[in-house]
Amino acid sequence: MIKKVFGDVVVFEMPDLTKEHTTKGGIVLPDGKMPSKTITIEALEVGNGKKVSDISKGDKLLVVFGHGYPIKLDDGKTYIFINHEDILAKVEE
């Protein structure tokens, strides 16, 4: 489990890419194909850097998919450590 994150980094759990995705036009994309280059994620941990100071644990963020550093921990889950440059917006659902 992650106890503390340092710098301008946000951690989120790797999204499930095994589901089928349907576009607005009704086209079903095969497993693992994302409909866009951005995804909305929930911040699990937030670093102590100034550039991420307005982001809190639990915030929904629009991020660039495919960026960041995937790390599989002992709990069996894969987490993505993403830099502040790849966070596009904080969103509400």
N, C-alpha and C. Protein backbone atom coordinates (compact mmCIF):
# COMPACT_ATOMS: atom_id res chain seq x y z
N MET A 1 0.83 -1.18 0.00
CA MET A 1 0.00 0.00 0.00
C MET A 1 0.88 1.25 0.00
N ILE A 2 0.42 2.27 -0.65
CA ILE A 2 1.17 3.51 -0.75
C ILE A 2 0.89 4.37 0.48
N LYS A 3 1.93 4.77 1.20
CA LYS A 3 1.74 5.58 2.40
C LYS A 3 1.87 7.07 2.12
N LYS A 4 2.85 7.46 1.29
CA LYS A 4 3.08 8.88 1.03
C LYS A 4 3.70 9.03 -0.35
N VAL A 5 3.28 10.07 -1.05
CA VAL A 5 3.80 10.38 -2.38
C VAL A 5 4.51 11.72 -2.30
N PHE A 6 5.63 11.85 -2.98
CA PHE A 6 6.42 13.08 -2.93
C PHE A 6 6.40 13.80 -4.27
N GLY A 7 6.56 15.11 -4.23
CA GLY A 7 6.66 15.91 -5.44
C GLY A 7 5.32 16.18 -6.08
N ASP A 8 5.36 16.57 -7.34
CA ASP A 8 4.17 16.95 -8.11
C ASP A 8 3.60 15.74 -8.85
N VAL A 9 3.24 14.73 -8.08
CA VAL A 9 2.78 13.45 -8.63
C VAL A 9 1.42 13.10 -8.04
N VAL A 10 0.57 12.48 -8.87
CA VAL A 10 -0.72 11.96 -8.43
C VAL A 10 -0.74 10.47 -8.76
N VAL A 11 -1.29 9.66 -7.86
CA VAL A 11 -1.36 8.22 -8.06
C VAL A 11 -2.82 7.81 -8.25
N PHE A 12 -3.06 6.94 -9.24
CA PHE A 12 -4.39 6.37 -9.42
C PHE A 12 -4.26 4.91 -9.78
N GLU A 13 -5.35 4.16 -9.58
CA GLU A 13 -5.33 2.74 -9.90
C GLU A 13 -5.54 2.56 -11.39
N MET A 14 -4.83 1.61 -11.97
CA MET A 14 -4.94 1.32 -13.40
C MET A 14 -6.40 0.99 -13.74
N PRO A 15 -6.99 1.69 -14.72
CA PRO A 15 -8.38 1.40 -15.08
C PRO A 15 -8.51 0.04 -15.76
N ASP A 16 -9.70 -0.53 -15.67
CA ASP A 16 -9.98 -1.82 -16.29
C ASP A 16 -10.12 -1.63 -17.80
N LEU A 17 -9.19 -2.17 -18.55
CA LEU A 17 -9.21 -2.02 -20.01
C LEU A 17 -9.78 -3.24 -20.71
N THR A 18 -10.34 -4.18 -19.94
CA THR A 18 -10.86 -5.39 -20.55
C THR A 18 -12.32 -5.25 -20.98
N LYS A 19 -12.96 -4.15 -20.59
CA LYS A 19 -14.34 -3.94 -20.98
C LYS A 19 -14.42 -3.46 -22.42
N GLU A 20 -15.55 -3.74 -23.05
CA GLU A 20 -15.79 -3.17 -24.38
C GLU A 20 -16.21 -1.72 -24.20
N HIS A 21 -15.80 -0.89 -25.11
CA HIS A 21 -16.17 0.52 -25.10
C HIS A 21 -17.01 0.81 -26.33
N THR A 22 -18.09 1.57 -26.13
CA THR A 22 -18.97 1.93 -27.24
C THR A 22 -18.86 3.43 -27.48
N THR A 23 -18.64 3.81 -28.74
CA THR A 23 -18.56 5.23 -29.08
C THR A 23 -19.95 5.84 -29.08
N LYS A 24 -20.02 7.17 -29.17
CA LYS A 24 -21.31 7.86 -29.22
C LYS A 24 -22.15 7.40 -30.41
N GLY A 25 -21.49 7.02 -31.49
CA GLY A 25 -22.19 6.57 -32.69
C GLY A 25 -22.62 5.11 -32.64
N GLY A 26 -22.28 4.40 -31.53
CA GLY A 26 -22.70 3.03 -31.37
C GLY A 26 -21.70 1.99 -31.82
N ILE A 27 -20.50 2.40 -32.19
CA ILE A 27 -19.48 1.44 -32.63
C ILE A 27 -18.82 0.84 -31.40
N VAL A 28 -18.79 -0.49 -31.34
CA VAL A 28 -18.17 -1.18 -30.21
C VAL A 28 -16.70 -1.40 -30.52
N LEU A 29 -15.85 -0.87 -29.64
CA LEU A 29 -14.40 -1.03 -29.80
C LEU A 29 -13.97 -2.30 -29.08
N PRO A 30 -13.02 -3.04 -29.61
CA PRO A 30 -12.58 -4.28 -28.97
C PRO A 30 -11.89 -4.00 -27.63
N ASP A 31 -11.73 -5.07 -26.86
CA ASP A 31 -11.08 -4.96 -25.56
C ASP A 31 -9.74 -4.25 -25.67
N GLY A 32 -9.48 -3.39 -24.69
CA GLY A 32 -8.20 -2.71 -24.61
C GLY A 32 -8.05 -1.51 -25.51
N LYS A 33 -9.02 -1.17 -26.33
CA LYS A 33 -8.93 0.00 -27.20
C LYS A 33 -9.72 1.13 -26.56
N MET A 34 -9.04 2.19 -26.20
CA MET A 34 -9.70 3.32 -25.57
C MET A 34 -10.28 4.24 -26.63
N PRO A 35 -11.46 4.82 -26.37
CA PRO A 35 -12.10 5.68 -27.36
C PRO A 35 -11.42 7.04 -27.52
N SER A 36 -10.58 7.44 -26.59
CA SER A 36 -9.91 8.73 -26.71
C SER A 36 -8.55 8.65 -26.04
N LYS A 37 -7.83 9.74 -26.10
CA LYS A 37 -6.51 9.77 -25.49
C LYS A 37 -6.56 10.31 -24.07
N THR A 38 -7.74 10.56 -23.56
CA THR A 38 -7.89 11.03 -22.19
C THR A 38 -8.84 10.11 -21.43
N ILE A 39 -8.63 10.03 -20.12
CA ILE A 39 -9.53 9.27 -19.26
C ILE A 39 -9.77 10.07 -17.99
N THR A 40 -10.88 9.77 -17.34
CA THR A 40 -11.17 10.38 -16.04
C THR A 40 -10.83 9.36 -14.97
N ILE A 41 -10.02 9.78 -14.01
CA ILE A 41 -9.57 8.89 -12.95
C ILE A 41 -9.84 9.54 -11.60
N GLU A 42 -9.73 8.75 -10.55
CA GLU A 42 -9.86 9.27 -9.19
C GLU A 42 -8.48 9.25 -8.53
N ALA A 43 -8.08 10.37 -7.96
CA ALA A 43 -6.78 10.46 -7.31
C ALA A 43 -6.80 9.65 -6.02
N LEU A 44 -5.90 8.67 -5.91
CA LEU A 44 -5.81 7.87 -4.69
C LEU A 44 -4.84 8.49 -3.69
N GLU A 45 -3.75 9.02 -4.19
CA GLU A 45 -2.76 9.72 -3.37
C GLU A 45 -2.24 10.91 -4.15
N VAL A 46 -1.89 11.96 -3.44
CA VAL A 46 -1.41 13.20 -4.06
C VAL A 46 -0.10 13.60 -3.39
N GLY A 47 0.88 13.95 -4.20
CA GLY A 47 2.17 14.37 -3.68
C GLY A 47 2.09 15.70 -2.94
N ASN A 48 3.21 16.08 -2.36
CA ASN A 48 3.27 17.31 -1.56
C ASN A 48 3.83 18.50 -2.34
N GLY A 49 3.92 18.40 -3.65
CA GLY A 49 4.47 19.49 -4.47
C GLY A 49 3.50 20.65 -4.63
N LYS A 50 4.04 21.83 -4.92
CA LYS A 50 3.23 23.04 -5.08
C LYS A 50 2.29 22.96 -6.27
N LYS A 51 2.70 22.28 -7.34
CA LYS A 51 1.90 22.24 -8.56
C LYS A 51 0.67 21.34 -8.45
N VAL A 52 0.61 20.50 -7.43
CA VAL A 52 -0.57 19.64 -7.22
C VAL A 52 -1.27 19.99 -5.90
N SER A 53 -0.97 21.15 -5.36
CA SER A 53 -1.52 21.53 -4.05
C SER A 53 -3.03 21.74 -4.08
N ASP A 54 -3.62 22.00 -5.25
CA ASP A 54 -5.07 22.19 -5.32
C ASP A 54 -5.81 20.89 -5.66
N ILE A 55 -5.10 19.76 -5.67
CA ILE A 55 -5.70 18.45 -5.92
C ILE A 55 -5.72 17.69 -4.60
N SER A 56 -6.85 17.04 -4.32
CA SER A 56 -7.00 16.27 -3.09
C SER A 56 -7.30 14.82 -3.41
N LYS A 57 -7.03 13.96 -2.45
CA LYS A 57 -7.36 12.56 -2.58
C LYS A 57 -8.87 12.43 -2.84
N GLY A 58 -9.24 11.66 -3.85
CA GLY A 58 -10.65 11.48 -4.20
C GLY A 58 -11.14 12.37 -5.33
N ASP A 59 -10.35 13.38 -5.70
CA ASP A 59 -10.75 14.26 -6.81
C ASP A 59 -10.79 13.47 -8.12
N LYS A 60 -11.74 13.83 -8.99
CA LYS A 60 -11.83 13.25 -10.33
C LYS A 60 -11.01 14.13 -11.26
N LEU A 61 -10.09 13.51 -12.01
CA LEU A 61 -9.18 14.25 -12.86
C LEU A 61 -9.24 13.73 -14.29
N LEU A 62 -9.14 14.63 -15.24
CA LEU A 62 -9.02 14.28 -16.65
C LEU A 62 -7.53 14.25 -16.96
N VAL A 63 -7.03 13.08 -17.37
CA VAL A 63 -5.59 12.93 -17.59
C VAL A 63 -5.32 12.37 -18.98
N VAL A 64 -4.10 12.54 -19.44
CA VAL A 64 -3.66 11.98 -20.72
C VAL A 64 -3.40 10.50 -20.50
N PHE A 65 -4.13 9.65 -21.23
CA PHE A 65 -3.97 8.20 -21.07
C PHE A 65 -2.66 7.75 -21.70
N GLY A 66 -1.99 6.81 -21.04
CA GLY A 66 -0.74 6.27 -21.56
C GLY A 66 0.48 6.95 -21.00
N HIS A 67 0.30 8.06 -20.30
CA HIS A 67 1.43 8.73 -19.66
C HIS A 67 1.52 8.25 -18.22
N GLY A 68 2.64 8.43 -17.62
CA GLY A 68 2.82 8.01 -16.24
C GLY A 68 3.64 6.74 -16.14
N TYR A 69 3.81 6.29 -14.92
CA TYR A 69 4.66 5.15 -14.64
C TYR A 69 3.85 4.07 -13.93
N PRO A 70 3.53 2.96 -14.63
CA PRO A 70 2.77 1.89 -13.98
C PRO A 70 3.67 1.07 -13.05
N ILE A 71 3.18 0.81 -11.85
CA ILE A 71 3.92 0.02 -10.88
C ILE A 71 2.96 -0.96 -10.23
N LYS A 72 3.32 -2.25 -10.26
CA LYS A 72 2.50 -3.27 -9.62
C LYS A 72 3.05 -3.50 -8.22
N LEU A 73 2.19 -3.36 -7.21
CA LEU A 73 2.61 -3.50 -5.82
C LEU A 73 2.24 -4.87 -5.28
N ASP A 74 2.66 -5.13 -4.05
CA ASP A 74 2.42 -6.43 -3.42
C ASP A 74 0.95 -6.77 -3.25
N ASP A 75 0.07 -5.76 -3.26
CA ASP A 75 -1.36 -6.03 -3.12
C ASP A 75 -1.97 -6.58 -4.41
N GLY A 76 -1.14 -6.70 -5.47
CA GLY A 76 -1.60 -7.26 -6.73
C GLY A 76 -2.20 -6.25 -7.69
N LYS A 77 -2.36 -5.01 -7.25
CA LYS A 77 -2.94 -3.97 -8.09
C LYS A 77 -1.84 -3.18 -8.79
N THR A 78 -2.18 -2.65 -9.96
CA THR A 78 -1.25 -1.79 -10.68
C THR A 78 -1.68 -0.35 -10.49
N TYR A 79 -0.74 0.48 -10.08
CA TYR A 79 -0.99 1.90 -9.86
C TYR A 79 -0.20 2.69 -10.89
N ILE A 80 -0.75 3.82 -11.27
CA ILE A 80 -0.08 4.72 -12.21
C ILE A 80 0.34 5.97 -11.45
N PHE A 81 1.60 6.32 -11.54
CA PHE A 81 2.14 7.55 -10.96
C PHE A 81 2.25 8.53 -12.12
N ILE A 82 1.49 9.62 -12.06
CA ILE A 82 1.43 10.55 -13.18
C ILE A 82 1.91 11.93 -12.73
N ASN A 83 2.69 12.59 -13.58
CA ASN A 83 3.19 13.93 -13.28
C ASN A 83 2.11 14.98 -13.52
N HIS A 84 2.27 16.11 -12.90
CA HIS A 84 1.26 17.17 -13.00
C HIS A 84 1.06 17.66 -14.43
N GLU A 85 2.07 17.54 -15.29
CA GLU A 85 1.95 18.02 -16.67
C GLU A 85 0.89 17.26 -17.46
N ASP A 86 0.60 16.03 -17.05
CA ASP A 86 -0.35 15.19 -17.77
C ASP A 86 -1.77 15.25 -17.20
N ILE A 87 -1.97 16.11 -16.22
CA ILE A 87 -3.32 16.33 -15.68
C ILE A 87 -3.91 17.52 -16.41
N LEU A 88 -5.01 17.29 -17.10
CA LEU A 88 -5.62 18.34 -17.91
C LEU A 88 -6.64 19.19 -17.15
N ALA A 89 -7.41 18.55 -16.26
CA ALA A 89 -8.46 19.28 -15.55
C ALA A 89 -8.96 18.49 -14.36
N LYS A 90 -9.54 19.20 -13.42
CA LYS A 90 -10.30 18.59 -12.33
C LYS A 90 -11.75 18.65 -12.76
N VAL A 91 -12.47 17.53 -12.68
CA VAL A 91 -13.84 17.48 -13.21
C VAL A 91 -14.81 17.07 -12.11
N GLU A 92 -16.08 17.40 -12.34
CA GLU A 92 -17.16 16.98 -11.46
C GLU A 92 -18.01 15.98 -12.20
N GLU A 93 -18.55 15.01 -11.48
CA GLU A 93 -19.43 14.03 -12.12
C GLU A 93 -20.84 14.19 -11.61
